[in-house]
Amino acid sequence: MKKIFVFAVFLLGVNSILNAQLRVGLKFGASSNNLITKPIDIQGVNDFSDIRLNLKYANYGVHAGIFTQVKLVGFFIQPEFIFNSNSNDYMVTNIGSNTLSTIKRESFQYLDIPILMGYKIGPLQLSAGPVGHVFIKNSSELFDIQGYQQKFKQFTYGYQANAALVIGKLYLDVRYEGNFTKFGDHINFFGNQYNFDKSPSRLIGSIGIAF
């Protein structure tokens, strides 16, 4: 009986593979960040004066990459490899002085790897799944501040929920992304780590073309 069951599972798997349909395509788009933060007060920075670091603007990001979609019986799996570039502007203010505030920009790039699972209802696709973020590089004007250091995590992760309209080979894609790490947790001054309160989230819009 056990052998029959194993054989039946094997046949089901083979049948699913034979019925699978593979699509590969390119996609590009933009994202907006939803960041609700409180200022960070840092002691003894510029010649031992205190500064306040506040997020001024979370700028729009851009992305481009490839997606693959494997259609199985009743659902699909969609892994993607997306290059993502974003930047943030911080306001830096010396506390208790008459010095004017300055704006410092930080840019960073990640390789995003979402693995979504979902189903299709007519031209509408609904899916969700985990996403990993592999840190590539960054540049930061915060290095102009005395004592600033950075320690980016090489890999972070979150989740995405997606709705896409598929018209032939054209994909119109909107998704929400949440993350499990605190925003700004790479910020260090004199070896002390600081971060803003909330985990970052994004609203992502993309256009994809399948081959």
Protein backbone atom coordinates (compact mmCIF):
# COMPACT_ATOMS: atom_id res chain seq x y z
CA MET A 1 0.00 0.00 0.00
CA LYS A 2 2.87 2.35 0.86
CA LYS A 3 4.59 1.69 -2.46
CA ILE A 4 1.36 2.42 -4.33
CA PHE A 5 1.01 5.72 -2.50
CA VAL A 6 4.62 6.73 -3.25
CA PHE A 7 4.17 5.78 -6.91
CA ALA A 8 0.95 7.82 -7.12
CA VAL A 9 2.71 10.88 -5.65
CA PHE A 10 5.53 10.40 -8.16
CA LEU A 11 3.09 10.25 -11.07
CA LEU A 12 1.34 13.37 -9.79
CA GLY A 13 4.64 15.21 -9.64
CA VAL A 14 5.63 14.15 -13.15
CA ASN A 15 2.22 15.16 -14.46
CA SER A 16 2.56 18.59 -12.82
CA ILE A 17 5.97 19.11 -14.41
CA LEU A 18 4.73 18.06 -17.83
CA ASN A 19 1.81 20.46 -17.52
CA ALA A 20 3.96 23.30 -16.29
CA GLN A 21 4.38 26.42 -18.40
CA LEU A 22 7.42 28.61 -18.08
CA ARG A 23 7.48 32.33 -18.86
CA VAL A 24 10.53 34.57 -18.59
CA GLY A 25 10.48 38.32 -18.90
CA LEU A 26 11.96 41.70 -18.07
CA LYS A 27 10.44 44.25 -15.73
CA PHE A 28 11.16 47.78 -14.55
CA GLY A 29 9.42 50.37 -12.44
CA ALA A 30 9.49 52.65 -9.41
CA SER A 31 8.71 52.46 -5.70
CA SER A 32 7.65 54.83 -2.94
CA ASN A 33 8.75 54.33 0.65
CA ASN A 34 6.42 54.59 3.61
CA LEU A 35 8.58 55.62 6.56
CA ILE A 36 7.22 57.03 9.81
CA THR A 37 10.21 57.96 11.96
CA LYS A 38 11.20 59.95 14.99
CA PRO A 39 14.42 62.01 15.15
CA ILE A 40 17.58 60.43 16.53
CA ASP A 41 19.51 62.51 19.08
CA ILE A 42 23.22 61.66 19.10
CA GLN A 43 25.54 62.96 21.82
CA GLY A 44 29.06 64.27 21.41
CA VAL A 45 29.52 64.23 17.64
CA ASN A 46 30.75 67.47 16.07
CA ASP A 47 33.50 68.66 18.46
CA PHE A 48 31.53 67.07 21.30
CA SER A 49 28.28 68.86 20.52
CA ASP A 50 25.01 66.98 20.16
CA ILE A 51 23.25 66.56 16.84
CA ARG A 52 19.76 65.56 15.78
CA LEU A 53 19.38 63.28 12.77
CA ASN A 54 15.97 63.28 11.11
CA LEU A 55 14.69 61.71 7.92
CA LYS A 56 13.72 64.55 5.60
CA TYR A 57 12.76 62.73 2.39
CA ALA A 58 12.44 59.07 1.45
CA ASN A 59 12.97 59.48 -2.27
CA TYR A 60 11.38 57.39 -5.01
CA GLY A 61 13.37 54.31 -5.94
CA VAL A 62 13.84 52.64 -9.31
CA HIS A 63 14.30 48.99 -10.17
CA ALA A 64 14.83 46.65 -13.11
CA GLY A 65 15.40 42.94 -13.51
CA ILE A 66 14.05 39.62 -14.69
CA PHE A 67 11.13 37.47 -13.60
CA THR A 68 10.28 33.85 -14.23
CA GLN A 69 6.89 32.27 -13.80
CA VAL A 70 6.23 28.55 -13.61
CA LYS A 71 2.57 27.72 -14.10
CA LEU A 72 1.52 24.50 -12.38
CA VAL A 73 -1.89 22.92 -11.98
CA GLY A 74 -4.05 25.50 -10.20
CA PHE A 75 -1.31 27.94 -9.19
CA PHE A 76 2.01 29.48 -10.21
CA ILE A 77 5.42 30.21 -8.68
CA GLN A 78 7.21 33.42 -9.63
CA PRO A 79 10.86 33.95 -8.62
CA GLU A 80 12.44 37.30 -9.55
CA PHE A 81 15.88 38.91 -9.53
CA ILE A 82 15.54 42.68 -9.30
CA PHE A 83 18.23 45.38 -9.01
CA ASN A 84 16.84 48.08 -6.71
CA SER A 85 18.26 51.57 -6.13
CA ASN A 86 16.99 54.05 -3.51
CA SER A 87 18.09 57.17 -1.68
CA ASN A 88 17.14 59.06 1.47
CA ASP A 89 17.77 62.66 2.54
CA TYR A 90 18.55 63.35 6.20
CA MET A 91 18.40 66.67 8.03
CA VAL A 92 21.31 67.12 10.41
CA THR A 93 20.96 69.80 13.10
CA ASN A 94 23.37 70.85 15.85
CA ILE A 95 21.28 70.86 19.04
CA GLY A 96 21.49 74.01 21.15
CA SER A 97 23.34 76.12 18.59
CA ASN A 98 22.43 78.60 15.92
CA THR A 99 24.05 76.52 13.17
CA LEU A 100 21.79 76.01 10.19
CA SER A 101 20.61 72.50 9.45
CA THR A 102 22.19 70.68 6.54
CA ILE A 103 20.82 67.96 4.24
CA LYS A 104 22.85 64.78 3.76
CA ARG A 105 21.94 62.20 1.10
CA GLU A 106 22.48 58.46 1.30
CA SER A 107 22.04 56.15 -1.70
CA PHE A 108 22.04 52.37 -1.66
CA GLN A 109 21.55 49.44 -4.01
CA TYR A 110 20.18 45.97 -3.33
CA LEU A 111 19.45 42.79 -5.25
CA ASP A 112 15.85 41.91 -4.37
CA ILE A 113 14.84 38.24 -4.68
CA PRO A 114 11.08 37.75 -4.18
CA ILE A 115 9.59 34.26 -4.49
CA LEU A 116 5.84 34.62 -4.94
CA MET A 117 3.12 31.99 -5.13
CA GLY A 118 -0.38 32.68 -6.37
CA TYR A 119 -3.19 31.98 -8.77
CA LYS A 120 -4.80 33.58 -11.78
CA ILE A 121 -8.41 34.70 -12.21
CA GLY A 122 -8.88 35.65 -15.84
CA PRO A 123 -6.37 38.43 -16.57
CA LEU A 124 -5.83 39.11 -12.84
CA GLN A 125 -3.02 37.49 -10.88
CA LEU A 126 -2.86 37.49 -7.08
CA SER A 127 0.24 36.31 -5.25
CA ALA A 128 2.32 36.68 -2.10
CA GLY A 129 5.54 35.40 -0.63
CA PRO A 130 8.89 36.18 0.98
CA VAL A 131 11.50 38.57 -0.40
CA GLY A 132 15.22 38.66 0.34
CA HIS A 133 17.39 41.78 0.02
CA VAL A 134 21.09 41.26 -0.76
CA PHE A 135 23.12 44.40 -0.04
CA ILE A 136 25.33 45.48 -2.96
CA LYS A 137 26.77 48.92 -2.18
CA ASN A 138 25.97 52.42 -0.97
CA SER A 139 27.31 55.95 -0.89
CA SER A 140 26.62 58.38 1.92
CA GLU A 141 27.22 62.04 2.73
CA LEU A 142 26.77 61.14 6.41
CA PHE A 143 30.48 60.32 6.41
CA ASP A 144 30.99 64.10 6.55
CA ILE A 145 29.83 63.92 10.18
CA GLN A 146 32.49 63.18 12.77
CA GLY A 147 32.32 59.64 14.17
CA TYR A 148 29.89 58.26 11.60
CA GLN A 149 30.19 54.58 10.70
CA GLN A 150 27.88 52.18 8.91
CA LYS A 151 27.23 48.48 9.23
CA PHE A 152 24.82 47.26 6.58
CA LYS A 153 23.50 43.73 7.00
CA GLN A 154 24.46 41.68 3.97
CA PHE A 155 21.03 40.01 3.85
CA THR A 156 17.63 41.12 5.11
CA TYR A 157 14.18 39.81 4.34
CA GLY A 158 10.50 40.73 4.26
CA TYR A 159 7.33 39.86 2.40
CA GLN A 160 5.37 41.03 -0.63
CA ALA A 161 1.70 40.91 -1.66
CA ASN A 162 1.03 41.39 -5.35
CA ALA A 163 -1.78 42.08 -7.81
CA ALA A 164 -0.99 42.05 -11.53
CA LEU A 165 -3.00 42.56 -14.70
CA VAL A 166 -1.78 40.32 -17.52
CA ILE A 167 -2.65 41.31 -21.10
CA GLY A 168 -0.93 38.94 -23.48
CA LYS A 169 2.79 39.32 -22.76
CA LEU A 170 2.33 42.58 -20.87
CA TYR A 171 2.33 42.60 -17.04
CA LEU A 172 1.07 45.61 -15.04
CA ASP A 173 2.18 44.92 -11.50
CA VAL A 174 1.43 46.61 -8.15
CA ARG A 175 2.63 45.21 -4.86
CA TYR A 176 3.07 46.03 -1.19
CA GLU A 177 6.29 45.17 0.60
CA GLY A 178 6.89 44.94 4.32
CA ASN A 179 10.21 44.24 6.06
CA PHE A 180 11.31 42.69 9.34
CA THR A 181 14.25 45.01 10.03
CA LYS A 182 14.25 48.49 11.55
CA PHE A 183 14.86 51.42 9.25
CA GLY A 184 18.30 52.97 9.69
CA ASP A 185 19.76 50.10 11.72
CA HIS A 186 23.05 50.49 9.82
CA ILE A 187 23.71 53.90 11.41
CA ASN A 188 26.58 53.95 13.92
CA PHE A 189 28.33 56.81 15.72
CA PHE A 190 31.51 56.07 17.67
CA GLY A 191 30.60 52.36 17.73
CA ASN A 192 27.05 52.88 19.03
CA GLN A 193 24.17 51.69 16.86
CA TYR A 194 21.09 53.86 16.23
CA ASN A 195 17.92 53.18 14.30
CA PHE A 196 14.57 54.78 13.64
CA ASP A 197 11.44 53.26 15.18
CA LYS A 198 9.50 51.74 12.31
CA SER A 199 10.20 48.94 9.88
CA PRO A 200 10.21 50.22 6.29
CA SER A 201 7.49 49.38 3.78
CA ARG A 202 7.18 50.15 0.07
CA LEU A 203 4.53 50.43 -2.61
CA ILE A 204 6.02 49.09 -5.85
CA GLY A 205 4.75 49.56 -9.40
CA SER A 206 6.21 47.69 -12.37
CA ILE A 207 5.74 47.03 -16.07
CA GLY A 208 6.86 43.62 -17.31
CA ILE A 209 7.20 42.07 -20.74
CA ALA A 210 7.33 38.28 -21.15
CA PHE A 211 9.20 36.58 -23.97
